[in-house]
C-alpha cells in the first residue's frame, strides 16, 4: 500500500515539473546567443577566433562549456600580454 501511495506522489510531481519546465533547446539557444555575442567582442587574436569557431559549431553542451572556459582563459592571458 505504501508503495502505491509513493508512486502516485512521484507521478504527480513529474507532471507538475513538466508544466513549468522550459524547453531545453530554447534555454540553450538563449545562452548561446548571449555568450557568442559577448565572446565575439573579446576576440583579439587568430587563436581566439579559431576557438570561437569551435564554440559556435559544438553541439554537445558540456564540450561547448569547456571550450568557452578555455577561450576565457586564453583571453585573460592575452589581456595581460597587451597591457604590459
C-alpha atoms as a PDB file:
ATOM      1  CA  UNK A   1       0.000   0.000   0.000  1.00  0.00           C
ATOM      2  CA  UNK A   2       2.800   2.446   0.835  1.00  0.00           C
ATOM      3  CA  UNK A   3       4.477   1.784  -2.489  1.00  0.00           C
ATOM      4  CA  UNK A   4       1.356   2.718  -4.457  1.00  0.00           C
ATOM      5  CA  UNK A   5       0.977   5.980  -2.497  1.00  0.00           C
ATOM      6  CA  UNK A   6       4.600   6.911  -3.163  1.00  0.00           C
ATOM      7  CA  UNK A   7       4.220   6.049  -6.820  1.00  0.00           C
ATOM      8  CA  UNK A   8       1.170   8.293  -7.120  1.00  0.00           C
ATOM      9  CA  UNK A   9       3.000  11.144  -5.412  1.00  0.00           C
ATOM     10  CA  UNK A  10       6.003  10.720  -7.728  1.00  0.00           C
ATOM     11  CA  UNK A  11       3.737  10.762 -10.781  1.00  0.00           C
ATOM     12  CA  UNK A  12       2.085  13.984  -9.623  1.00  0.00           C
ATOM     13  CA  UNK A  13       5.485  15.590  -9.010  1.00  0.00           C
ATOM     14  CA  UNK A  14       6.654  14.658 -12.505  1.00  0.00           C
ATOM     15  CA  UNK A  15       3.525  16.086 -14.104  1.00  0.00           C
ATOM     16  CA  UNK A  16       3.883  19.280 -12.098  1.00  0.00           C
ATOM     17  CA  UNK A  17       7.539  19.677 -13.137  1.00  0.00           C
ATOM     18  CA  UNK A  18       6.626  19.178 -16.791  1.00  0.00           C
ATOM     19  CA  UNK A  19       4.136  22.040 -16.619  1.00  0.00           C
ATOM     20  CA  UNK A  20       6.833  24.541 -15.670  1.00  0.00           C
ATOM     21  CA  UNK A  21       9.840  23.045 -17.395  1.00  0.00           C
ATOM     22  CA  UNK A  22      11.326  25.232 -20.125  1.00  0.00           C
ATOM     23  CA  UNK A  23      12.323  23.679 -23.350  1.00  0.00           C
ATOM     24  CA  UNK A  24      15.996  22.711 -23.198  1.00  0.00           C
ATOM     25  CA  UNK A  25      16.502  23.908 -26.762  1.00  0.00           C
ATOM     26  CA  UNK A  26      15.027  27.336 -26.005  1.00  0.00           C
ATOM     27  CA  UNK A  27      17.121  27.772 -22.881  1.00  0.00           C
ATOM     28  CA  UNK A  28      20.286  26.504 -24.588  1.00  0.00           C
ATOM     29  CA  UNK A  29      19.780  28.726 -27.640  1.00  0.00           C
ATOM     30  CA  UNK A  30      19.308  31.780 -25.423  1.00  0.00           C
ATOM     31  CA  UNK A  31      22.563  31.047 -23.566  1.00  0.00           C
ATOM     32  CA  UNK A  32      24.463  30.523 -26.810  1.00  0.00           C
ATOM     33  CA  UNK A  33      23.307  33.815 -28.309  1.00  0.00           C
ATOM     34  CA  UNK A  34      24.289  35.802 -25.232  1.00  0.00           C
ATOM     35  CA  UNK A  35      27.602  34.031 -24.868  1.00  0.00           C
ATOM     36  CA  UNK A  36      28.601  34.248 -28.521  1.00  0.00           C
ATOM     37  CA  UNK A  37      27.754  37.931 -28.767  1.00  0.00           C
ATOM     38  CA  UNK A  38      29.878  38.785 -25.754  1.00  0.00           C
ATOM     39  CA  UNK A  39      32.684  36.425 -26.759  1.00  0.00           C
ATOM     40  CA  UNK A  40      32.891  37.924 -30.246  1.00  0.00           C
ATOM     41  CA  UNK A  41      33.603  41.304 -28.697  1.00  0.00           C
ATOM     42  CA  UNK A  42      36.528  39.807 -26.777  1.00  0.00           C
ATOM     43  CA  UNK A  43      38.370  38.304 -29.777  1.00  0.00           C
ATOM     44  CA  UNK A  44      41.791  39.871 -30.354  1.00  0.00           C
ATOM     45  CA  UNK A  45      43.923  37.090 -31.797  1.00  0.00           C
ATOM     46  CA  UNK A  46      43.705  34.459 -34.532  1.00  0.00           C
ATOM     47  CA  UNK A  47      43.826  31.714 -31.891  1.00  0.00           C
ATOM     48  CA  UNK A  48      40.807  33.207 -30.117  1.00  0.00           C
ATOM     49  CA  UNK A  49      38.943  33.379 -33.447  1.00  0.00           C
ATOM     50  CA  UNK A  50      39.642  29.706 -34.037  1.00  0.00           C
ATOM     51  CA  UNK A  51      38.430  28.750 -30.569  1.00  0.00           C
ATOM     52  CA  UNK A  52      35.285  30.831 -31.073  1.00  0.00           C
ATOM     53  CA  UNK A  53      34.539  28.927 -34.296  1.00  0.00           C
ATOM     54  CA  UNK A  54      34.825  25.661 -32.369  1.00  0.00           C
ATOM     55  CA  UNK A  55      32.412  27.023 -29.751  1.00  0.00           C
ATOM     56  CA  UNK A  56      29.910  28.088 -32.418  1.00  0.00           C
ATOM     57  CA  UNK A  57      29.828  24.684 -34.098  1.00  0.00           C
ATOM     58  CA  UNK A  58      29.887  22.487 -30.990  1.00  0.00           C
ATOM     59  CA  UNK A  59      26.645  20.604 -30.357  1.00  0.00           C
ATOM     60  CA  UNK A  60      27.459  18.935 -27.028  1.00  0.00           C
ATOM     61  CA  UNK A  61      26.747  21.442 -24.222  1.00  0.00           C
ATOM     62  CA  UNK A  62      29.439  20.169 -21.833  1.00  0.00           C
ATOM     63  CA  UNK A  63      32.091  20.279 -24.566  1.00  0.00           C
ATOM     64  CA  UNK A  64      30.969  23.774 -25.596  1.00  0.00           C
ATOM     65  CA  UNK A  65      31.239  24.898 -21.964  1.00  0.00           C
ATOM     66  CA  UNK A  66      34.778  23.520 -21.813  1.00  0.00           C
ATOM     67  CA  UNK A  67      35.702  25.432 -24.986  1.00  0.00           C
ATOM     68  CA  UNK A  68      34.213  28.610 -23.503  1.00  0.00           C
ATOM     69  CA  UNK A  69      36.298  28.153 -20.355  1.00  0.00           C
ATOM     70  CA  UNK A  70      39.405  27.642 -22.494  1.00  0.00           C
ATOM     71  CA  UNK A  71      38.559  30.725 -24.564  1.00  0.00           C
ATOM     72  CA  UNK A  72      38.169  32.852 -21.450  1.00  0.00           C
ATOM     73  CA  UNK A  73      41.458  31.552 -20.089  1.00  0.00           C
ATOM     74  CA  UNK A  74      43.237  32.458 -23.337  1.00  0.00           C
ATOM     75  CA  UNK A  75      41.538  35.861 -23.444  1.00  0.00           C
ATOM     76  CA  UNK A  76      42.599  36.624 -19.893  1.00  0.00           C
ATOM     77  CA  UNK A  77      46.198  35.728 -20.679  1.00  0.00           C
ATOM     78  CA  UNK A  78      46.254  37.799 -23.874  1.00  0.00           C
ATOM     79  CA  UNK A  79      44.748  40.747 -21.972  1.00  0.00           C
ATOM     80  CA  UNK A  80      47.749  40.793 -19.683  1.00  0.00           C
ATOM     81  CA  UNK A  81      50.164  40.478 -22.619  1.00  0.00           C
ATOM     82  CA  UNK A  82      48.638  43.506 -24.386  1.00  0.00           C
ATOM     83  CA  UNK A  83      48.627  45.676 -21.254  1.00  0.00           C
ATOM     84  CA  UNK A  84      52.336  45.277 -20.439  1.00  0.00           C
END
